[in-house]
């Protein structure tokens, strides 16, 4: 099922990016552009992310350093 029709991103792709460490809609956007055009999929992405655990959040909760190569996008602030 498509989550982002603007860029053809599926729910499976969003879940894969989340499994790879993307924990926020901004990080998903950085990984695959979903949510950066019309923004109508951002809430769906948030719902998908809310269903799973975030490996980096778990590390942060344990006081371990959390490093990421995924950049934040200001575009999602406007879309949300």
C-alpha atoms as a PDB file:
ATOM      1  CA  UNK A   1       0.000   0.000   0.000  1.00  0.00           C
ATOM      2  CA  UNK A   2       1.310   3.453  -0.895  1.00  0.00           C
ATOM      3  CA  UNK A   3       1.890   5.889   1.940  1.00  0.00           C
ATOM      4  CA  UNK A   4       3.245   8.710  -0.226  1.00  0.00           C
ATOM      5  CA  UNK A   5       1.724   8.878  -3.673  1.00  0.00           C
ATOM      6  CA  UNK A   6       3.838  11.904  -4.625  1.00  0.00           C
ATOM      7  CA  UNK A   7       7.026   9.821  -4.529  1.00  0.00           C
ATOM      8  CA  UNK A   8       5.588   6.301  -4.718  1.00  0.00           C
ATOM      9  CA  UNK A   9       6.732   5.285  -1.231  1.00  0.00           C
ATOM     10  CA  UNK A  10       5.067   2.216   0.234  1.00  0.00           C
ATOM     11  CA  UNK A  11       4.290   1.312   3.820  1.00  0.00           C
ATOM     12  CA  UNK A  12       6.871  -1.485   3.561  1.00  0.00           C
ATOM     13  CA  UNK A  13       9.531   1.037   2.541  1.00  0.00           C
ATOM     14  CA  UNK A  14       8.684   3.322   5.461  1.00  0.00           C
ATOM     15  CA  UNK A  15       8.883   0.349   7.832  1.00  0.00           C
ATOM     16  CA  UNK A  16      12.255  -0.650   6.346  1.00  0.00           C
ATOM     17  CA  UNK A  17      13.631   2.869   6.858  1.00  0.00           C
ATOM     18  CA  UNK A  18      12.310   2.768  10.428  1.00  0.00           C
ATOM     19  CA  UNK A  19      14.032  -0.577  10.968  1.00  0.00           C
ATOM     20  CA  UNK A  20      17.206   1.043   9.627  1.00  0.00           C
ATOM     21  CA  UNK A  21      16.957   3.735  12.306  1.00  0.00           C
ATOM     22  CA  UNK A  22      14.679   6.511  11.012  1.00  0.00           C
ATOM     23  CA  UNK A  23      12.488   7.412  13.998  1.00  0.00           C
ATOM     24  CA  UNK A  24      10.738  10.588  12.874  1.00  0.00           C
ATOM     25  CA  UNK A  25       8.868  11.747   9.781  1.00  0.00           C
ATOM     26  CA  UNK A  26      11.811  14.074   9.044  1.00  0.00           C
ATOM     27  CA  UNK A  27      14.223  11.169   9.048  1.00  0.00           C
ATOM     28  CA  UNK A  28      11.901   9.147   6.816  1.00  0.00           C
ATOM     29  CA  UNK A  29      11.739  12.159   4.475  1.00  0.00           C
ATOM     30  CA  UNK A  30      15.502  12.343   4.369  1.00  0.00           C
ATOM     31  CA  UNK A  31      15.696   8.658   3.508  1.00  0.00           C
ATOM     32  CA  UNK A  32      13.046   8.541   0.753  1.00  0.00           C
ATOM     33  CA  UNK A  33      11.422  12.011   0.298  1.00  0.00           C
ATOM     34  CA  UNK A  34       8.050  10.833   1.630  1.00  0.00           C
ATOM     35  CA  UNK A  35       6.221  13.797   3.138  1.00  0.00           C
ATOM     36  CA  UNK A  36       8.257  16.495   1.427  1.00  0.00           C
ATOM     37  CA  UNK A  37       5.888  17.428  -1.395  1.00  0.00           C
ATOM     38  CA  UNK A  38       2.221  17.901  -0.484  1.00  0.00           C
ATOM     39  CA  UNK A  39       2.605  16.650   3.106  1.00  0.00           C
ATOM     40  CA  UNK A  40      -0.638  14.679   3.163  1.00  0.00           C
ATOM     41  CA  UNK A  41       1.201  11.472   4.137  1.00  0.00           C
ATOM     42  CA  UNK A  42       2.985  12.856   7.205  1.00  0.00           C
ATOM     43  CA  UNK A  43       0.274  11.735   9.637  1.00  0.00           C
ATOM     44  CA  UNK A  44       0.253   8.251   8.109  1.00  0.00           C
ATOM     45  CA  UNK A  45       4.045   8.094   8.484  1.00  0.00           C
ATOM     46  CA  UNK A  46       3.699   9.185  12.118  1.00  0.00           C
ATOM     47  CA  UNK A  47       1.178   6.392  12.686  1.00  0.00           C
ATOM     48  CA  UNK A  48       3.489   3.804  11.139  1.00  0.00           C
ATOM     49  CA  UNK A  49       6.417   5.006  13.236  1.00  0.00           C
ATOM     50  CA  UNK A  50       4.268   4.939  16.359  1.00  0.00           C
ATOM     51  CA  UNK A  51       3.759   1.187  15.998  1.00  0.00           C
ATOM     52  CA  UNK A  52       7.394   0.174  16.294  1.00  0.00           C
ATOM     53  CA  UNK A  53      10.348   0.664  18.554  1.00  0.00           C
ATOM     54  CA  UNK A  54      13.020   3.186  17.698  1.00  0.00           C
ATOM     55  CA  UNK A  55      16.502   1.701  18.174  1.00  0.00           C
ATOM     56  CA  UNK A  56      18.120   5.114  18.627  1.00  0.00           C
ATOM     57  CA  UNK A  57      15.536   6.165  21.215  1.00  0.00           C
ATOM     58  CA  UNK A  58      16.249   3.009  23.189  1.00  0.00           C
ATOM     59  CA  UNK A  59      19.974   3.815  23.073  1.00  0.00           C
ATOM     60  CA  UNK A  60      19.326   7.374  24.209  1.00  0.00           C
ATOM     61  CA  UNK A  61      17.161   6.151  27.082  1.00  0.00           C
ATOM     62  CA  UNK A  62      20.077   3.985  28.216  1.00  0.00           C
ATOM     63  CA  UNK A  63      22.464   6.957  28.113  1.00  0.00           C
ATOM     64  CA  UNK A  64      24.435   5.697  25.113  1.00  0.00           C
ATOM     65  CA  UNK A  65      25.511   8.091  22.345  1.00  0.00           C
ATOM     66  CA  UNK A  66      23.119   8.327  19.446  1.00  0.00           C
ATOM     67  CA  UNK A  67      24.635   9.135  16.064  1.00  0.00           C
ATOM     68  CA  UNK A  68      22.777   9.424  12.781  1.00  0.00           C
ATOM     69  CA  UNK A  69      23.556  10.339   9.210  1.00  0.00           C
ATOM     70  CA  UNK A  70      19.937  11.292   8.559  1.00  0.00           C
ATOM     71  CA  UNK A  71      19.512  15.073   8.289  1.00  0.00           C
ATOM     72  CA  UNK A  72      16.466  17.047   9.392  1.00  0.00           C
ATOM     73  CA  UNK A  73      14.294  18.684   6.756  1.00  0.00           C
ATOM     74  CA  UNK A  74      12.508  21.944   7.505  1.00  0.00           C
ATOM     75  CA  UNK A  75       9.983  21.085   4.802  1.00  0.00           C
ATOM     76  CA  UNK A  76       8.020  18.827   7.140  1.00  0.00           C
ATOM     77  CA  UNK A  77       7.492  21.604   9.665  1.00  0.00           C
ATOM     78  CA  UNK A  78       5.527  23.450   7.021  1.00  0.00           C
ATOM     79  CA  UNK A  79       3.596  20.324   5.958  1.00  0.00           C
ATOM     80  CA  UNK A  80       2.574  19.282   9.475  1.00  0.00           C
END
